[in-house]
Amino acid sequence: PRLAAILGSRRPIRFAADDPLPDPFD
């Protein structure tokens, strides 16, 4: 989901430390 969110935006995307979306590199 995080990669999908970045891919769908023309602006930079920042994720909060407590963002529930899983990080693809965990």
mmCIF file of all heavy atoms, coordinates in Angstrom:
data_MODEL
# 
_entry.id   MODEL 
# 
loop_
_atom_site.group_PDB 
_atom_site.id 
_atom_site.type_symbol 
_atom_site.label_atom_id 
_atom_site.label_alt_id 
_atom_site.label_comp_id 
_atom_site.label_asym_id 
_atom_site.label_entity_id 
_atom_site.label_seq_id 
_atom_site.pdbx_PDB_ins_code 
_atom_site.Cartn_x 
_atom_site.Cartn_y 
_atom_site.Cartn_z 
_atom_site.occupancy 
_atom_site.B_iso_or_equiv 
_atom_site.pdbx_formal_charge 
_atom_site.auth_seq_id 
_atom_site.auth_comp_id 
_atom_site.auth_asym_id 
_atom_site.auth_atom_id 
_atom_site.pdbx_PDB_model_num 
ATOM 1   N N   . PRO A 1 1  ? 0.805  -1.238 0.000   1.00 0.00 ? 1  PRO A N   1 
ATOM 2   C CA  . PRO A 1 1  ? 0.000  0.000  0.000   1.00 0.00 ? 1  PRO A CA  1 
ATOM 3   C C   . PRO A 1 1  ? 0.830  1.276  0.000   1.00 0.00 ? 1  PRO A C   1 
ATOM 4   O O   . PRO A 1 1  ? 0.443  2.271  -0.633  1.00 0.00 ? 1  PRO A O   1 
ATOM 5   C CB  . PRO A 1 1  ? -0.824 -0.122 1.281   1.00 0.00 ? 1  PRO A CB  1 
ATOM 6   C CG  . PRO A 1 1  ? -0.864 -1.589 1.570   1.00 0.00 ? 1  PRO A CG  1 
ATOM 7   C CD  . PRO A 1 1  ? 0.434  -2.136 1.091   1.00 0.00 ? 1  PRO A CD  1 
ATOM 8   N N   . ARG A 1 2  ? 1.982  1.271  0.706   1.00 0.00 ? 2  ARG A N   1 
ATOM 9   C CA  . ARG A 1 2  ? 2.782  2.510  0.726   1.00 0.00 ? 2  ARG A CA  1 
ATOM 10  C C   . ARG A 1 2  ? 3.339  2.809  -0.674  1.00 0.00 ? 2  ARG A C   1 
ATOM 11  O O   . ARG A 1 2  ? 3.336  3.963  -1.122  1.00 0.00 ? 2  ARG A O   1 
ATOM 12  C CB  . ARG A 1 2  ? 3.916  2.389  1.735   1.00 0.00 ? 2  ARG A CB  1 
ATOM 13  C CG  . ARG A 1 2  ? 3.452  2.348  3.182   1.00 0.00 ? 2  ARG A CG  1 
ATOM 14  C CD  . ARG A 1 2  ? 4.582  2.659  4.133   1.00 0.00 ? 2  ARG A CD  1 
ATOM 15  N NE  . ARG A 1 2  ? 4.153  2.575  5.530   1.00 0.00 ? 2  ARG A NE  1 
ATOM 16  C CZ  . ARG A 1 2  ? 4.865  3.021  6.549   1.00 0.00 ? 2  ARG A CZ  1 
ATOM 17  N NH1 . ARG A 1 2  ? 6.049  3.589  6.335   1.00 0.00 ? 2  ARG A NH1 1 
ATOM 18  N NH2 . ARG A 1 2  ? 4.402  2.927  7.785   1.00 0.00 ? 2  ARG A NH2 1 
ATOM 19  N N   . LEU A 1 3  ? 3.824  1.776  -1.364  1.00 0.00 ? 3  LEU A N   1 
ATOM 20  C CA  . LEU A 1 3  ? 4.355  1.988  -2.712  1.00 0.00 ? 3  LEU A CA  1 
ATOM 21  C C   . LEU A 1 3  ? 3.242  2.430  -3.652  1.00 0.00 ? 3  LEU A C   1 
ATOM 22  O O   . LEU A 1 3  ? 3.450  3.295  -4.520  1.00 0.00 ? 3  LEU A O   1 
ATOM 23  C CB  . LEU A 1 3  ? 5.017  0.700  -3.229  1.00 0.00 ? 3  LEU A CB  1 
ATOM 24  C CG  . LEU A 1 3  ? 6.232  0.199  -2.450  1.00 0.00 ? 3  LEU A CG  1 
ATOM 25  C CD1 . LEU A 1 3  ? 6.788  -1.065 -3.099  1.00 0.00 ? 3  LEU A CD1 1 
ATOM 26  C CD2 . LEU A 1 3  ? 7.318  1.270  -2.377  1.00 0.00 ? 3  LEU A CD2 1 
ATOM 27  N N   . ALA A 1 4  ? 2.047  1.868  -3.474  1.00 0.00 ? 4  ALA A N   1 
ATOM 28  C CA  . ALA A 1 4  ? 0.912  2.265  -4.309  1.00 0.00 ? 4  ALA A CA  1 
ATOM 29  C C   . ALA A 1 4  ? 0.553  3.732  -4.079  1.00 0.00 ? 4  ALA A C   1 
ATOM 30  O O   . ALA A 1 4  ? 0.236  4.467  -5.021  1.00 0.00 ? 4  ALA A O   1 
ATOM 31  C CB  . ALA A 1 4  ? -0.289 1.364  -4.020  1.00 0.00 ? 4  ALA A CB  1 
ATOM 32  N N   . ALA A 1 5  ? 0.612  4.173  -2.819  1.00 0.00 ? 5  ALA A N   1 
ATOM 33  C CA  . ALA A 1 5  ? 0.287  5.568  -2.503  1.00 0.00 ? 5  ALA A CA  1 
ATOM 34  C C   . ALA A 1 5  ? 1.292  6.522  -3.140  1.00 0.00 ? 5  ALA A C   1 
ATOM 35  O O   . ALA A 1 5  ? 0.919  7.567  -3.693  1.00 0.00 ? 5  ALA A O   1 
ATOM 36  C CB  . ALA A 1 5  ? 0.251  5.752  -0.985  1.00 0.00 ? 5  ALA A CB  1 
ATOM 37  N N   . ILE A 1 6  ? 2.564  6.185  -3.062  1.00 0.00 ? 6  ILE A N   1 
ATOM 38  C CA  . ILE A 1 6  ? 3.605  7.029  -3.668  1.00 0.00 ? 6  ILE A CA  1 
ATOM 39  C C   . ILE A 1 6  ? 3.421  7.067  -5.182  1.00 0.00 ? 6  ILE A C   1 
ATOM 40  O O   . ILE A 1 6  ? 3.514  8.123  -5.821  1.00 0.00 ? 6  ILE A O   1 
ATOM 41  C CB  . ILE A 1 6  ? 5.009  6.503  -3.314  1.00 0.00 ? 6  ILE A CB  1 
ATOM 42  C CG1 . ILE A 1 6  ? 5.227  6.541  -1.794  1.00 0.00 ? 6  ILE A CG1 1 
ATOM 43  C CG2 . ILE A 1 6  ? 6.083  7.320  -4.026  1.00 0.00 ? 6  ILE A CG2 1 
ATOM 44  C CD1 . ILE A 1 6  ? 6.491  5.839  -1.340  1.00 0.00 ? 6  ILE A CD1 1 
ATOM 45  N N   . LEU A 1 7  ? 3.146  5.910  -5.771  1.00 0.00 ? 7  LEU A N   1 
ATOM 46  C CA  . LEU A 1 7  ? 3.012  5.797  -7.217  1.00 0.00 ? 7  LEU A CA  1 
ATOM 47  C C   . LEU A 1 7  ? 1.849  6.622  -7.757  1.00 0.00 ? 7  LEU A C   1 
ATOM 48  O O   . LEU A 1 7  ? 1.900  7.139  -8.875  1.00 0.00 ? 7  LEU A O   1 
ATOM 49  C CB  . LEU A 1 7  ? 2.824  4.319  -7.580  1.00 0.00 ? 7  LEU A CB  1 
ATOM 50  C CG  . LEU A 1 7  ? 3.121  3.883  -9.014  1.00 0.00 ? 7  LEU A CG  1 
ATOM 51  C CD1 . LEU A 1 7  ? 4.569  4.154  -9.375  1.00 0.00 ? 7  LEU A CD1 1 
ATOM 52  C CD2 . LEU A 1 7  ? 2.815  2.399  -9.177  1.00 0.00 ? 7  LEU A CD2 1 
ATOM 53  N N   . GLY A 1 8  ? 0.799  6.765  -6.946  1.00 0.00 ? 8  GLY A N   1 
ATOM 54  C CA  . GLY A 1 8  ? -0.393 7.457  -7.418  1.00 0.00 ? 8  GLY A CA  1 
ATOM 55  C C   . GLY A 1 8  ? -0.406 8.947  -7.166  1.00 0.00 ? 8  GLY A C   1 
ATOM 56  O O   . GLY A 1 8  ? -1.407 9.612  -7.448  1.00 0.00 ? 8  GLY A O   1 
ATOM 57  N N   . SER A 1 9  ? 0.683  9.504  -6.634  1.00 0.00 ? 9  SER A N   1 
ATOM 58  C CA  . SER A 1 9  ? 0.692  10.931 -6.295  1.00 0.00 ? 9  SER A CA  1 
ATOM 59  C C   . SER A 1 9  ? 1.743  11.680 -7.108  1.00 0.00 ? 9  SER A C   1 
ATOM 60  O O   . SER A 1 9  ? 2.839  11.168 -7.352  1.00 0.00 ? 9  SER A O   1 
ATOM 61  C CB  . SER A 1 9  ? 0.977  11.101 -4.798  1.00 0.00 ? 9  SER A CB  1 
ATOM 62  O OG  . SER A 1 9  ? 1.134  12.469 -4.472  1.00 0.00 ? 9  SER A OG  1 
ATOM 63  N N   . ARG A 1 10 ? 1.401  12.911 -7.527  1.00 0.00 ? 10 ARG A N   1 
ATOM 64  C CA  . ARG A 1 10 ? 2.380  13.768 -8.198  1.00 0.00 ? 10 ARG A CA  1 
ATOM 65  C C   . ARG A 1 10 ? 3.239  14.522 -7.198  1.00 0.00 ? 10 ARG A C   1 
ATOM 66  O O   . ARG A 1 10 ? 4.221  15.166 -7.581  1.00 0.00 ? 10 ARG A O   1 
ATOM 67  C CB  . ARG A 1 10 ? 1.654  14.772 -9.105  1.00 0.00 ? 10 ARG A CB  1 
ATOM 68  C CG  . ARG A 1 10 ? 0.909  14.174 -10.273 1.00 0.00 ? 10 ARG A CG  1 
ATOM 69  C CD  . ARG A 1 10 ? 1.851  13.501 -11.271 1.00 0.00 ? 10 ARG A CD  1 
ATOM 70  N NE  . ARG A 1 10 ? 2.784  14.421 -11.873 1.00 0.00 ? 10 ARG A NE  1 
ATOM 71  C CZ  . ARG A 1 10 ? 2.651  14.947 -13.106 1.00 0.00 ? 10 ARG A CZ  1 
ATOM 72  N NH1 . ARG A 1 10 ? 1.603  14.609 -13.842 1.00 0.00 ? 10 ARG A NH1 1 
ATOM 73  N NH2 . ARG A 1 10 ? 3.534  15.773 -13.595 1.00 0.00 ? 10 ARG A NH2 1 
ATOM 74  N N   . ARG A 1 11 ? 2.877  14.469 -5.901  1.00 0.00 ? 11 ARG A N   1 
ATOM 75  C CA  . ARG A 1 11 ? 3.613  15.175 -4.846  1.00 0.00 ? 11 ARG A CA  1 
ATOM 76  C C   . ARG A 1 11 ? 4.318  14.161 -3.963  1.00 0.00 ? 11 ARG A C   1 
ATOM 77  O O   . ARG A 1 11 ? 3.891  13.002 -3.866  1.00 0.00 ? 11 ARG A O   1 
ATOM 78  C CB  . ARG A 1 11 ? 2.644  16.000 -3.991  1.00 0.00 ? 11 ARG A CB  1 
ATOM 79  C CG  . ARG A 1 11 ? 1.803  16.998 -4.771  1.00 0.00 ? 11 ARG A CG  1 
ATOM 80  C CD  . ARG A 1 11 ? 2.527  18.280 -5.030  1.00 0.00 ? 11 ARG A CD  1 
ATOM 81  N NE  . ARG A 1 11 ? 2.814  18.996 -3.802  1.00 0.00 ? 11 ARG A NE  1 
ATOM 82  C CZ  . ARG A 1 11 ? 3.553  20.111 -3.735  1.00 0.00 ? 11 ARG A CZ  1 
ATOM 83  N NH1 . ARG A 1 11 ? 4.064  20.617 -4.838  1.00 0.00 ? 11 ARG A NH1 1 
ATOM 84  N NH2 . ARG A 1 11 ? 3.769  20.710 -2.587  1.00 0.00 ? 11 ARG A NH2 1 
ATOM 85  N N   . PRO A 1 12 ? 5.394  14.541 -3.290  1.00 0.00 ? 12 PRO A N   1 
ATOM 86  C CA  . PRO A 1 12 ? 6.056  13.620 -2.362  1.00 0.00 ? 12 PRO A CA  1 
ATOM 87  C C   . PRO A 1 12 ? 5.090  13.169 -1.260  1.00 0.00 ? 12 PRO A C   1 
ATOM 88  O O   . PRO A 1 12 ? 4.225  13.927 -0.814  1.00 0.00 ? 12 PRO A O   1 
ATOM 89  C CB  . PRO A 1 12 ? 7.196  14.457 -1.789  1.00 0.00 ? 12 PRO A CB  1 
ATOM 90  C CG  . PRO A 1 12 ? 7.458  15.517 -2.815  1.00 0.00 ? 12 PRO A CG  1 
ATOM 91  C CD  . PRO A 1 12 ? 6.118  15.828 -3.410  1.00 0.00 ? 12 PRO A CD  1 
ATOM 92  N N   . ILE A 1 13 ? 5.216  11.945 -0.828  1.00 0.00 ? 13 ILE A N   1 
ATOM 93  C CA  . ILE A 1 13 ? 4.374  11.362 0.219   1.00 0.00 ? 13 ILE A CA  1 
ATOM 94  C C   . ILE A 1 13 ? 5.245  11.064 1.438   1.00 0.00 ? 13 ILE A C   1 
ATOM 95  O O   . ILE A 1 13 ? 6.311  10.445 1.317   1.00 0.00 ? 13 ILE A O   1 
ATOM 96  C CB  . ILE A 1 13 ? 3.703  10.061 -0.264  1.00 0.00 ? 13 ILE A CB  1 
ATOM 97  C CG1 . ILE A 1 13 ? 2.783  10.337 -1.446  1.00 0.00 ? 13 ILE A CG1 1 
ATOM 98  C CG2 . ILE A 1 13 ? 2.928  9.390  0.867   1.00 0.00 ? 13 ILE A CG2 1 
ATOM 99  C CD1 . ILE A 1 13 ? 1.552  11.135 -1.101  1.00 0.00 ? 13 ILE A CD1 1 
ATOM 100 N N   . ARG A 1 14 ? 4.765  11.514 2.640   1.00 0.00 ? 14 ARG A N   1 
ATOM 101 C CA  . ARG A 1 14 ? 5.465  11.235 3.896   1.00 0.00 ? 14 ARG A CA  1 
ATOM 102 C C   . ARG A 1 14 ? 4.538  10.378 4.764   1.00 0.00 ? 14 ARG A C   1 
ATOM 103 O O   . ARG A 1 14 ? 3.333  10.658 4.875   1.00 0.00 ? 14 ARG A O   1 
ATOM 104 C CB  . ARG A 1 14 ? 5.812  12.526 4.630   1.00 0.00 ? 14 ARG A CB  1 
ATOM 105 C CG  . ARG A 1 14 ? 6.716  13.467 3.841   1.00 0.00 ? 14 ARG A CG  1 
ATOM 106 C CD  . ARG A 1 14 ? 6.806  14.821 4.510   1.00 0.00 ? 14 ARG A CD  1 
ATOM 107 N NE  . ARG A 1 14 ? 7.512  15.794 3.701   1.00 0.00 ? 14 ARG A NE  1 
ATOM 108 C CZ  . ARG A 1 14 ? 8.778  16.173 3.910   1.00 0.00 ? 14 ARG A CZ  1 
ATOM 109 N NH1 . ARG A 1 14 ? 9.471  15.635 4.903   1.00 0.00 ? 14 ARG A NH1 1 
ATOM 110 N NH2 . ARG A 1 14 ? 9.346  17.077 3.137   1.00 0.00 ? 14 ARG A NH2 1 
ATOM 111 N N   . PHE A 1 15 ? 5.088  9.357  5.382   1.00 0.00 ? 15 PHE A N   1 
ATOM 112 C CA  . PHE A 1 15 ? 4.309  8.474  6.255   1.00 0.00 ? 15 PHE A CA  1 
ATOM 113 C C   . PHE A 1 15 ? 4.721  8.707  7.703   1.00 0.00 ? 15 PHE A C   1 
ATOM 114 O O   . PHE A 1 15 ? 5.929  8.729  8.021   1.00 0.00 ? 15 PHE A O   1 
ATOM 115 C CB  . PHE A 1 15 ? 4.543  7.005  5.878   1.00 0.00 ? 15 PHE A CB  1 
ATOM 116 C CG  . PHE A 1 15 ? 4.118  6.671  4.474   1.00 0.00 ? 15 PHE A CG  1 
ATOM 117 C CD1 . PHE A 1 15 ? 5.035  6.697  3.429   1.00 0.00 ? 15 PHE A CD1 1 
ATOM 118 C CD2 . PHE A 1 15 ? 2.803  6.360  4.196   1.00 0.00 ? 15 PHE A CD2 1 
ATOM 119 C CE1 . PHE A 1 15 ? 4.648  6.401  2.141   1.00 0.00 ? 15 PHE A CE1 1 
ATOM 120 C CE2 . PHE A 1 15 ? 2.406  6.066  2.898   1.00 0.00 ? 15 PHE A CE2 1 
ATOM 121 C CZ  . PHE A 1 15 ? 3.326  6.083  1.871   1.00 0.00 ? 15 PHE A CZ  1 
ATOM 122 N N   . ALA A 1 16 ? 3.724  8.868  8.562   1.00 0.00 ? 16 ALA A N   1 
ATOM 123 C CA  . ALA A 1 16 ? 3.998  9.074  9.984   1.00 0.00 ? 16 ALA A CA  1 
ATOM 124 C C   . ALA A 1 16 ? 4.581  7.802  10.601  1.00 0.00 ? 16 ALA A C   1 
ATOM 125 O O   . ALA A 1 16 ? 4.402  6.698  10.075  1.00 0.00 ? 16 ALA A O   1 
ATOM 126 C CB  . ALA A 1 16 ? 2.707  9.476  10.712  1.00 0.00 ? 16 ALA A CB  1 
ATOM 127 N N   . ALA A 1 17 ? 5.271  7.972  11.735  1.00 0.00 ? 17 ALA A N   1 
ATOM 128 C CA  . ALA A 1 17 ? 5.908  6.830  12.384  1.00 0.00 ? 17 ALA A CA  1 
ATOM 129 C C   . ALA A 1 17 ? 4.885  5.790  12.809  1.00 0.00 ? 17 ALA A C   1 
ATOM 130 O O   . ALA A 1 17 ? 5.175  4.589  12.845  1.00 0.00 ? 17 ALA A O   1 
ATOM 131 C CB  . ALA A 1 17 ? 6.720  7.300  13.588  1.00 0.00 ? 17 ALA A CB  1 
ATOM 132 N N   . ASP A 1 18 ? 3.649  6.246  13.138  1.00 0.00 ? 18 ASP A N   1 
ATOM 133 C CA  . ASP A 1 18 ? 2.624  5.299  13.581  1.00 0.00 ? 18 ASP A CA  1 
ATOM 134 C C   . ASP A 1 18 ? 1.650  4.942  12.459  1.00 0.00 ? 18 ASP A C   1 
ATOM 135 O O   . ASP A 1 18 ? 0.544  4.455  12.727  1.00 0.00 ? 18 ASP A O   1 
ATOM 136 C CB  . ASP A 1 18 ? 1.865  5.865  14.772  1.00 0.00 ? 18 ASP A CB  1 
ATOM 137 C CG  . ASP A 1 18 ? 1.233  7.217  14.454  1.00 0.00 ? 18 ASP A CG  1 
ATOM 138 O OD1 . ASP A 1 18 ? 1.504  7.741  13.337  1.00 0.00 ? 18 ASP A OD1 1 
ATOM 139 O OD2 . ASP A 1 18 ? 0.488  7.732  15.300  1.00 0.00 ? 18 ASP A OD2 1 
ATOM 140 N N   . ASP A 1 19 ? 2.031  5.199  11.198  1.00 0.00 ? 19 ASP A N   1 
ATOM 141 C CA  . ASP A 1 19 ? 1.150  4.887  10.079  1.00 0.00 ? 19 ASP A CA  1 
ATOM 142 C C   . ASP A 1 19 ? 0.880  3.379  10.056  1.00 0.00 ? 19 ASP A C   1 
ATOM 143 O O   . ASP A 1 19 ? 1.812  2.563  10.120  1.00 0.00 ? 19 ASP A O   1 
ATOM 144 C CB  . ASP A 1 19 ? 1.802  5.320  8.761   1.00 0.00 ? 19 ASP A CB  1 
ATOM 145 C CG  . ASP A 1 19 ? 0.803  5.337  7.616   1.00 0.00 ? 19 ASP A CG  1 
ATOM 146 O OD1 . ASP A 1 19 ? 0.271  4.255  7.281   1.00 0.00 ? 19 ASP A OD1 1 
ATOM 147 O OD2 . ASP A 1 19 ? 0.563  6.421  7.061   1.00 0.00 ? 19 ASP A OD2 1 
ATOM 148 N N   . PRO A 1 20 ? -0.381 2.978  9.974   1.00 0.00 ? 20 PRO A N   1 
ATOM 149 C CA  . PRO A 1 20 ? -0.710 1.540  10.029  1.00 0.00 ? 20 PRO A CA  1 
ATOM 150 C C   . PRO A 1 20 ? -0.326 0.773  8.765   1.00 0.00 ? 20 PRO A C   1 
ATOM 151 O O   . PRO A 1 20 ? -0.259 -0.464 8.794   1.00 0.00 ? 20 PRO A O   1 
ATOM 152 C CB  . PRO A 1 20 ? -2.230 1.555  10.219  1.00 0.00 ? 20 PRO A CB  1 
ATOM 153 C CG  . PRO A 1 20 ? -2.683 2.836  9.596   1.00 0.00 ? 20 PRO A CG  1 
ATOM 154 C CD  . PRO A 1 20 ? -1.588 3.834  9.891   1.00 0.00 ? 20 PRO A CD  1 
ATOM 155 N N   . LEU A 1 21 ? -0.060 1.466  7.651   1.00 0.00 ? 21 LEU A N   1 
ATOM 156 C CA  . LEU A 1 21 ? 0.300  0.758  6.408   1.00 0.00 ? 21 LEU A CA  1 
ATOM 157 C C   . LEU A 1 21 ? 1.668  0.095  6.571   1.00 0.00 ? 21 LEU A C   1 
ATOM 158 O O   . LEU A 1 21 ? 2.622  0.727  7.032   1.00 0.00 ? 21 LEU A O   1 
ATOM 159 C CB  . LEU A 1 21 ? 0.336  1.725  5.225   1.00 0.00 ? 21 LEU A CB  1 
ATOM 160 C CG  . LEU A 1 21 ? -0.996 2.395  4.846   1.00 0.00 ? 21 LEU A CG  1 
ATOM 161 C CD1 . LEU A 1 21 ? -0.780 3.356  3.678   1.00 0.00 ? 21 LEU A CD1 1 
ATOM 162 C CD2 . LEU A 1 21 ? -2.033 1.339  4.480   1.00 0.00 ? 21 LEU A CD2 1 
ATOM 163 N N   . PRO A 1 22 ? 1.778  -1.185 6.210   1.00 0.00 ? 22 PRO A N   1 
ATOM 164 C CA  . PRO A 1 22 ? 3.056  -1.884 6.387   1.00 0.00 ? 22 PRO A CA  1 
ATOM 165 C C   . PRO A 1 22 ? 4.149  -1.326 5.477   1.00 0.00 ? 22 PRO A C   1 
ATOM 166 O O   . PRO A 1 22 ? 3.889  -0.954 4.332   1.00 0.00 ? 22 PRO A O   1 
ATOM 167 C CB  . PRO A 1 22 ? 2.716  -3.325 6.023   1.00 0.00 ? 22 PRO A CB  1 
ATOM 168 C CG  . PRO A 1 22 ? 1.542  -3.210 5.098   1.00 0.00 ? 22 PRO A CG  1 
ATOM 169 C CD  . PRO A 1 22 ? 0.753  -2.041 5.575   1.00 0.00 ? 22 PRO A CD  1 
ATOM 170 N N   . ASP A 1 23 ? 5.355  -1.289 6.044   1.00 0.00 ? 23 ASP A N   1 
ATOM 171 C CA  . ASP A 1 23 ? 6.496  -0.833 5.238   1.00 0.00 ? 23 ASP A CA  1 
ATOM 172 C C   . ASP A 1 23 ? 6.991  -2.006 4.389   1.00 0.00 ? 23 ASP A C   1 
ATOM 173 O O   . ASP A 1 23 ? 7.149  -3.129 4.890   1.00 0.00 ? 23 ASP A O   1 
ATOM 174 C CB  . ASP A 1 23 ? 7.625  -0.332 6.146   1.00 0.00 ? 23 ASP A CB  1 
ATOM 175 C CG  . ASP A 1 23 ? 8.717  0.353  5.338   1.00 0.00 ? 23 ASP A CG  1 
ATOM 176 O OD1 . ASP A 1 23 ? 9.541  -0.369 4.747   1.00 0.00 ? 23 ASP A OD1 1 
ATOM 177 O OD2 . ASP A 1 23 ? 8.716  1.588  5.278   1.00 0.00 ? 23 ASP A OD2 1 
ATOM 178 N N   . PRO A 1 24 ? 7.226  -1.793 3.092   1.00 0.00 ? 24 PRO A N   1 
ATOM 179 C CA  . PRO A 1 24 ? 7.604  -2.907 2.216   1.00 0.00 ? 24 PRO A CA  1 
ATOM 180 C C   . PRO A 1 24 ? 8.969  -3.507 2.541   1.00 0.00 ? 24 PRO A C   1 
ATOM 181 O O   . PRO A 1 24 ? 9.282  -4.603 2.079   1.00 0.00 ? 24 PRO A O   1 
ATOM 182 C CB  . PRO A 1 24 ? 7.598  -2.277 0.816   1.00 0.00 ? 24 PRO A CB  1 
ATOM 183 C CG  . PRO A 1 24 ? 7.775  -0.816 1.048   1.00 0.00 ? 24 PRO A CG  1 
ATOM 184 C CD  . PRO A 1 24 ? 7.092  -0.522 2.339   1.00 0.00 ? 24 PRO A CD  1 
ATOM 185 N N   . PHE A 1 25 ? 9.775  -2.788 3.371   1.00 0.00 ? 25 PHE A N   1 
ATOM 186 C CA  . PHE A 1 25 ? 11.132 -3.274 3.620   1.00 0.00 ? 25 PHE A CA  1 
ATOM 187 C C   . PHE A 1 25 ? 11.326 -3.822 5.033   1.00 0.00 ? 25 PHE A C   1 
ATOM 188 O O   . PHE A 1 25 ? 12.455 -4.154 5.406   1.00 0.00 ? 25 PHE A O   1 
ATOM 189 C CB  . PHE A 1 25 ? 12.143 -2.147 3.360   1.00 0.00 ? 25 PHE A CB  1 
ATOM 190 C CG  . PHE A 1 25 ? 11.982 -1.508 2.014   1.00 0.00 ? 25 PHE A CG  1 
ATOM 191 C CD1 . PHE A 1 25 ? 11.803 -0.138 1.896   1.00 0.00 ? 25 PHE A CD1 1 
ATOM 192 C CD2 . PHE A 1 25 ? 11.985 -2.273 0.860   1.00 0.00 ? 25 PHE A CD2 1 
ATOM 193 C CE1 . PHE A 1 25 ? 11.642 0.460  0.657   1.00 0.00 ? 25 PHE A CE1 1 
ATOM 194 C CE2 . PHE A 1 25 ? 11.824 -1.684 -0.392  1.00 0.00 ? 25 PHE A CE2 1 
ATOM 195 C CZ  . PHE A 1 25 ? 11.650 -0.322 -0.486  1.00 0.00 ? 25 PHE A CZ  1 
ATOM 196 N N   . ASP A 1 26 ? 10.246 -3.930 5.802   1.00 0.00 ? 26 ASP A N   1 
ATOM 197 C CA  . ASP A 1 26 ? 10.383 -4.466 7.156   1.00 0.00 ? 26 ASP A CA  1 
ATOM 198 C C   . ASP A 1 26 ? 11.031 -5.852 7.143   1.00 0.00 ? 26 ASP A C   1 
ATOM 199 O O   . ASP A 1 26 ? 11.861 -6.180 7.981   1.00 0.00 ? 26 ASP A O   1 
ATOM 200 C CB  . ASP A 1 26 ? 9.009  -4.551 7.835   1.00 0.00 ? 26 ASP A CB  1 
ATOM 201 C CG  . ASP A 1 26 ? 8.615  -3.199 8.452   1.00 0.00 ? 26 ASP A CG  1 
ATOM 202 O OD1 . ASP A 1 26 ? 9.482  -2.307 8.499   1.00 0.00 ? 26 ASP A OD1 1 
ATOM 203 O OD2 . ASP A 1 26 ? 7.445  -3.045 8.856   1.00 0.00 ? 26 ASP A OD2 1 
# 
